[in-house]
Protein backbone atom coordinates (compact mmCIF):
# COMPACT_ATOMS: atom_id res chain seq x y z
CA UNK A 1 7.70 -27.63 -29.03
CA UNK A 2 8.33 -24.13 -30.33
CA UNK A 3 7.07 -21.18 -28.33
CA UNK A 4 4.93 -18.43 -29.94
CA UNK A 5 7.81 -15.95 -29.81
CA UNK A 6 10.63 -18.41 -30.50
CA UNK A 7 12.14 -18.38 -26.99
CA UNK A 8 13.72 -21.37 -25.32
CA UNK A 9 11.76 -22.93 -22.43
CA UNK A 10 14.15 -21.35 -19.89
CA UNK A 11 14.25 -17.88 -21.47
CA UNK A 12 12.43 -14.82 -20.15
CA UNK A 13 10.77 -12.39 -22.49
CA UNK A 14 12.70 -9.13 -23.02
CA UNK A 15 12.45 -7.28 -19.69
CA UNK A 16 12.69 -3.49 -19.42
CA UNK A 17 12.50 -1.41 -16.23
CA UNK A 18 12.18 2.34 -16.80
CA UNK A 19 12.49 4.30 -13.54
CA UNK A 20 11.18 7.81 -12.97
CA UNK A 21 8.35 7.33 -15.45
CA UNK A 22 6.08 9.69 -13.51
CA UNK A 23 7.09 13.20 -12.44
CA UNK A 24 5.25 13.38 -9.12
CA UNK A 25 5.46 9.93 -7.50
CA UNK A 26 8.23 9.28 -4.96
CA UNK A 27 9.05 6.15 -6.94
CA UNK A 28 7.77 5.02 -10.33
CA UNK A 29 8.66 2.33 -12.85
CA UNK A 30 7.28 1.22 -16.19
CA UNK A 31 7.99 -2.51 -16.26
CA UNK A 32 7.75 -4.46 -19.51
CA UNK A 33 7.77 -8.23 -19.84
CA UNK A 34 7.55 -8.54 -23.61
CA UNK A 35 4.23 -6.97 -24.61
CA UNK A 36 2.98 -6.86 -21.01
CA UNK A 37 3.36 -3.35 -19.63
CA UNK A 38 2.64 -2.34 -16.04
CA UNK A 39 3.07 1.12 -14.50
CA UNK A 40 4.08 0.95 -10.82
CA UNK A 41 3.91 4.14 -8.75
CA UNK A 42 4.99 4.38 -5.10
CA UNK A 43 3.46 7.10 -2.94
CA UNK A 44 4.73 8.06 0.51
CA UNK A 45 2.60 9.31 3.40
CA UNK A 46 4.03 10.44 6.76
CA UNK A 47 1.42 8.45 8.63
CA UNK A 48 0.24 4.90 9.10
CA UNK A 49 -3.21 3.28 9.26
CA UNK A 50 -5.09 3.93 12.50
CA UNK A 51 -4.42 0.43 13.82
CA UNK A 52 -0.67 1.01 13.38
CA UNK A 53 -0.40 4.45 15.07
CA UNK A 54 1.96 4.73 18.03
CA UNK A 55 3.63 1.41 17.26
CA UNK A 56 6.74 2.90 15.70
CA UNK A 57 6.20 0.58 12.74
CA UNK A 58 5.59 1.53 9.12
CA UNK A 59 3.33 -0.07 6.53
CA UNK A 60 3.51 -1.06 2.87
CA UNK A 61 0.56 -1.95 0.70
CA UNK A 62 -0.20 -2.24 -3.00
CA UNK A 63 -3.12 -1.94 -5.37
CA UNK A 64 -3.31 -3.75 -8.68
CA UNK A 65 -5.75 -3.15 -11.53
CA UNK A 66 -6.03 -3.43 -15.27
CA UNK A 67 -7.08 -0.56 -17.44
CA UNK A 68 -10.39 -1.47 -19.09
CA UNK A 69 -8.76 -2.17 -22.46
CA UNK A 70 -5.46 -3.63 -21.30
CA UNK A 71 -6.77 -6.94 -22.68
CA UNK A 72 -8.46 -7.82 -25.94
CA UNK A 73 -11.82 -7.64 -24.19
CA UNK A 74 -12.86 -5.15 -21.54
CA UNK A 75 -12.43 -6.35 -17.97
CA UNK A 76 -10.93 -5.69 -14.55
CA UNK A 77 -8.95 -7.69 -12.04
CA UNK A 78 -7.32 -7.17 -8.68
CA UNK A 79 -4.79 -9.11 -6.68
CA UNK A 80 -3.39 -9.16 -3.15
CA UNK A 81 -0.28 -10.98 -4.37
CA UNK A 82 1.62 -7.74 -5.02
CA UNK A 83 1.15 -6.26 -1.54
CA UNK A 84 2.00 -9.51 0.26
CA UNK A 85 5.13 -9.94 -1.85
CA UNK A 86 6.45 -6.43 -1.29
CA UNK A 87 5.79 -6.53 2.46
CA UNK A 88 8.12 -9.52 2.68
CA UNK A 89 11.16 -7.35 2.01
CA UNK A 90 10.47 -4.48 4.45
CA UNK A 91 11.67 -3.84 8.01
CA UNK A 92 8.71 -1.90 9.40
CA UNK A 93 10.62 -0.61 12.41
CA UNK A 94 13.30 0.91 10.18
CA UNK A 95 10.59 2.38 7.96
CA UNK A 96 9.17 4.28 10.92
CA UNK A 97 5.59 5.50 10.96
CA UNK A 98 5.46 6.06 7.22
CA UNK A 99 3.24 4.36 4.67
CA UNK A 100 4.23 3.48 1.11
CA UNK A 101 1.44 2.61 -1.30
CA UNK A 102 2.40 1.04 -4.62
CA UNK A 103 -0.22 1.38 -7.34
CA UNK A 104 0.25 -1.10 -10.18
CA UNK A 105 -1.79 -0.36 -13.29
CA UNK A 106 -1.68 -2.79 -16.19
CA UNK A 107 -1.50 -0.75 -19.39
CA UNK A 108 -1.32 -3.76 -21.68
CA UNK A 109 -1.64 -7.44 -20.86
CA UNK A 110 0.01 -10.39 -22.57
CA UNK A 111 0.37 -12.75 -19.62
CA UNK A 112 2.39 -12.36 -16.43
CA UNK A 113 0.81 -9.07 -15.35
CA UNK A 114 0.93 -9.82 -11.62
CA UNK A 115 4.50 -11.09 -11.71
CA UNK A 116 5.54 -8.00 -13.68
CA UNK A 117 3.76 -5.86 -11.06
CA UNK A 118 5.72 -7.50 -8.22
CA UNK A 119 9.03 -7.13 -10.07
CA UNK A 120 8.44 -3.51 -11.04
CA UNK A 121 6.73 -2.73 -7.75
CA UNK A 122 9.90 -3.59 -5.85
CA UNK A 123 11.92 -1.09 -7.90
CA UNK A 124 9.33 1.64 -7.28
CA UNK A 125 9.37 0.74 -3.57
CA UNK A 126 13.18 0.97 -3.47
CA UNK A 127 13.07 4.44 -5.02
CA UNK A 128 10.43 5.57 -2.52
CA UNK A 129 12.60 4.28 0.34
CA UNK A 130 15.58 6.19 -1.09
CA UNK A 131 13.39 9.32 -1.16
CA UNK A 132 12.50 8.83 2.51
CA UNK A 133 16.08 8.12 3.54
CA UNK A 134 17.29 11.22 1.73
CA UNK A 135 14.96 13.23 3.97
CA UNK A 136 16.15 11.34 7.07
CA UNK A 137 12.64 10.00 7.70
CA UNK A 138 13.65 6.38 8.28
CA UNK A 139 15.55 4.60 11.06
CA UNK A 140 18.14 2.90 8.92
CA UNK A 141 17.52 0.92 5.75
CA UNK A 142 13.97 -0.51 5.63
CA UNK A 143 14.76 -2.88 2.76
CA UNK A 144 15.78 -6.31 4.00
CA UNK A 145 16.11 -7.86 0.55
CA UNK A 146 14.60 -7.59 -2.91
CA UNK A 147 11.72 -9.58 -4.37
CA UNK A 148 10.95 -10.60 -7.94
CA UNK A 149 8.30 -12.83 -9.49
CA UNK A 150 7.82 -14.92 -12.60
CA UNK A 151 5.26 -17.32 -14.02
CA UNK A 152 5.99 -20.91 -14.98
CA UNK A 153 3.78 -23.58 -16.44
CA UNK A 154 3.35 -26.83 -18.30
CA UNK A 155 2.39 -26.32 -21.94
CA UNK A 156 2.11 -29.26 -24.33
CA UNK A 157 3.84 -31.41 -21.71
CA UNK A 158 6.79 -29.04 -21.48
CA UNK A 159 7.82 -26.88 -18.48
CA UNK A 160 8.19 -23.25 -19.58
CA UNK A 161 9.00 -19.95 -17.91
CA UNK A 162 7.36 -16.51 -18.22
CA UNK A 163 4.23 -17.53 -20.11
CA UNK A 164 2.73 -15.15 -22.63
CA UNK A 165 -1.06 -15.04 -22.94
CA UNK A 166 -1.31 -17.71 -25.65
CA UNK A 167 0.72 -20.11 -23.50
CA UNK A 168 -1.11 -19.19 -20.30
CA UNK A 169 -4.54 -20.06 -21.69
CA UNK A 170 -3.22 -23.35 -23.11
CA UNK A 171 -1.28 -24.41 -20.00
CA UNK A 172 -2.10 -27.68 -18.25
CA UNK A 173 -0.48 -26.24 -15.12
CA UNK A 174 0.39 -22.64 -14.37
CA UNK A 175 2.12 -21.07 -11.40
CA UNK A 176 3.24 -17.67 -10.11
CA UNK A 177 6.38 -17.75 -7.97
CA UNK A 178 7.82 -14.91 -5.87
CA UNK A 179 11.43 -15.14 -4.63
CA UNK A 180 13.82 -13.05 -2.58
CA UNK A 181 17.29 -12.13 -3.84
CA UNK A 182 18.61 -15.23 -2.05
CA UNK A 183 16.21 -17.48 -3.97
CA UNK A 184 13.95 -18.13 -1.00
CA UNK A 185 10.24 -18.38 -1.68
CA UNK A 186 7.81 -15.65 -0.63
CA UNK A 187 4.76 -17.08 -2.38
CA UNK A 188 3.87 -19.93 -4.71
CA UNK A 189 0.51 -20.00 -6.47
CA UNK A 190 0.01 -23.10 -8.58
CA UNK A 191 -2.98 -24.73 -10.24
CA UNK A 192 -3.49 -27.83 -12.34
CA UNK A 193 -5.95 -26.68 -14.99
CA UNK A 194 -6.40 -30.21 -16.36
CA UNK A 195 -4.33 -33.18 -15.17
CA UNK A 196 -2.79 -33.12 -11.67
CA UNK A 197 0.96 -32.50 -11.64
CA UNK A 198 3.60 -34.66 -9.95
CA UNK A 199 6.07 -33.77 -7.23
CA UNK A 200 8.86 -34.13 -9.80
CA UNK A 201 7.16 -31.68 -12.13
CA UNK A 202 6.67 -29.24 -9.26
CA UNK A 203 10.40 -29.37 -8.63
CA UNK A 204 11.16 -28.69 -12.29
CA UNK A 205 8.82 -25.70 -12.36
CA UNK A 206 10.23 -24.26 -9.14
CA UNK A 207 13.80 -24.66 -10.44
CA UNK A 208 12.80 -22.73 -13.56
CA UNK A 209 11.19 -20.02 -11.45
CA UNK A 210 14.18 -19.62 -9.13
CA UNK A 211 16.47 -19.19 -12.13
CA UNK A 212 14.11 -16.65 -13.69
CA UNK A 213 13.79 -14.68 -10.47
CA UNK A 214 17.58 -14.59 -10.14
CA UNK A 215 17.81 -13.00 -13.59
CA UNK A 216 15.05 -10.51 -12.70
CA UNK A 217 16.89 -9.67 -9.47
CA UNK A 218 19.98 -8.88 -11.53
CA UNK A 219 17.95 -6.63 -13.84
CA UNK A 220 16.37 -4.85 -10.85
CA UNK A 221 19.79 -4.14 -9.35
CA UNK A 222 21.05 -2.94 -12.72
CA UNK A 223 18.07 -0.59 -13.13
CA UNK A 224 18.51 0.81 -9.61
CA UNK A 225 22.19 1.49 -10.27
CA UNK A 226 21.30 3.83 -13.14
CA UNK A 227 20.06 7.41 -12.91
CA UNK A 228 16.25 7.48 -12.92
CA UNK A 229 14.31 8.99 -15.82
């Protein structure tokens, strides 16, 4: 079956990561998965939540929201997926008693907004950590690994990666998968919208996701190797 944008079933949409998109944030990235655009901004505070004070450990959290007209009808959404995913790559002891908050605002939605937020959020987090390290406010490197995320799903009986909106709403099964740079899983969210899916199909979808996350990891590293802005 042909896809709406002519991609193969294993092909990601064009991905673009523009660092330094905001002047004032310690880390910021405009991430684009095709027509999906998410602005990720990382803010640093030299303090931690009250329950964390005196522990010597830092904290990372994230907020996710859609602008009212990011979609074709007005709405709002939030997700804890982004924060959980980004916390998986941080050594809190090395971070010290600093907090990094990553705000992910969906400017335009065409499917995969949360996975784009995780992927771009990591790059913003990495830049914020670099900012802290440059001011000698960490105890080593707080980043243990990188994380990236992609959607996969079954559309018209066919496993596909990085679903656009038209595919997402038509999918029999859809799944968000978060992986580390090594290809290990941080989170898997999967739902059978219609017919239950088999163990074999699950394996096919996860294989697709791991391959997609590996490509996103490469693009993250490439973006971080360039001068921001």
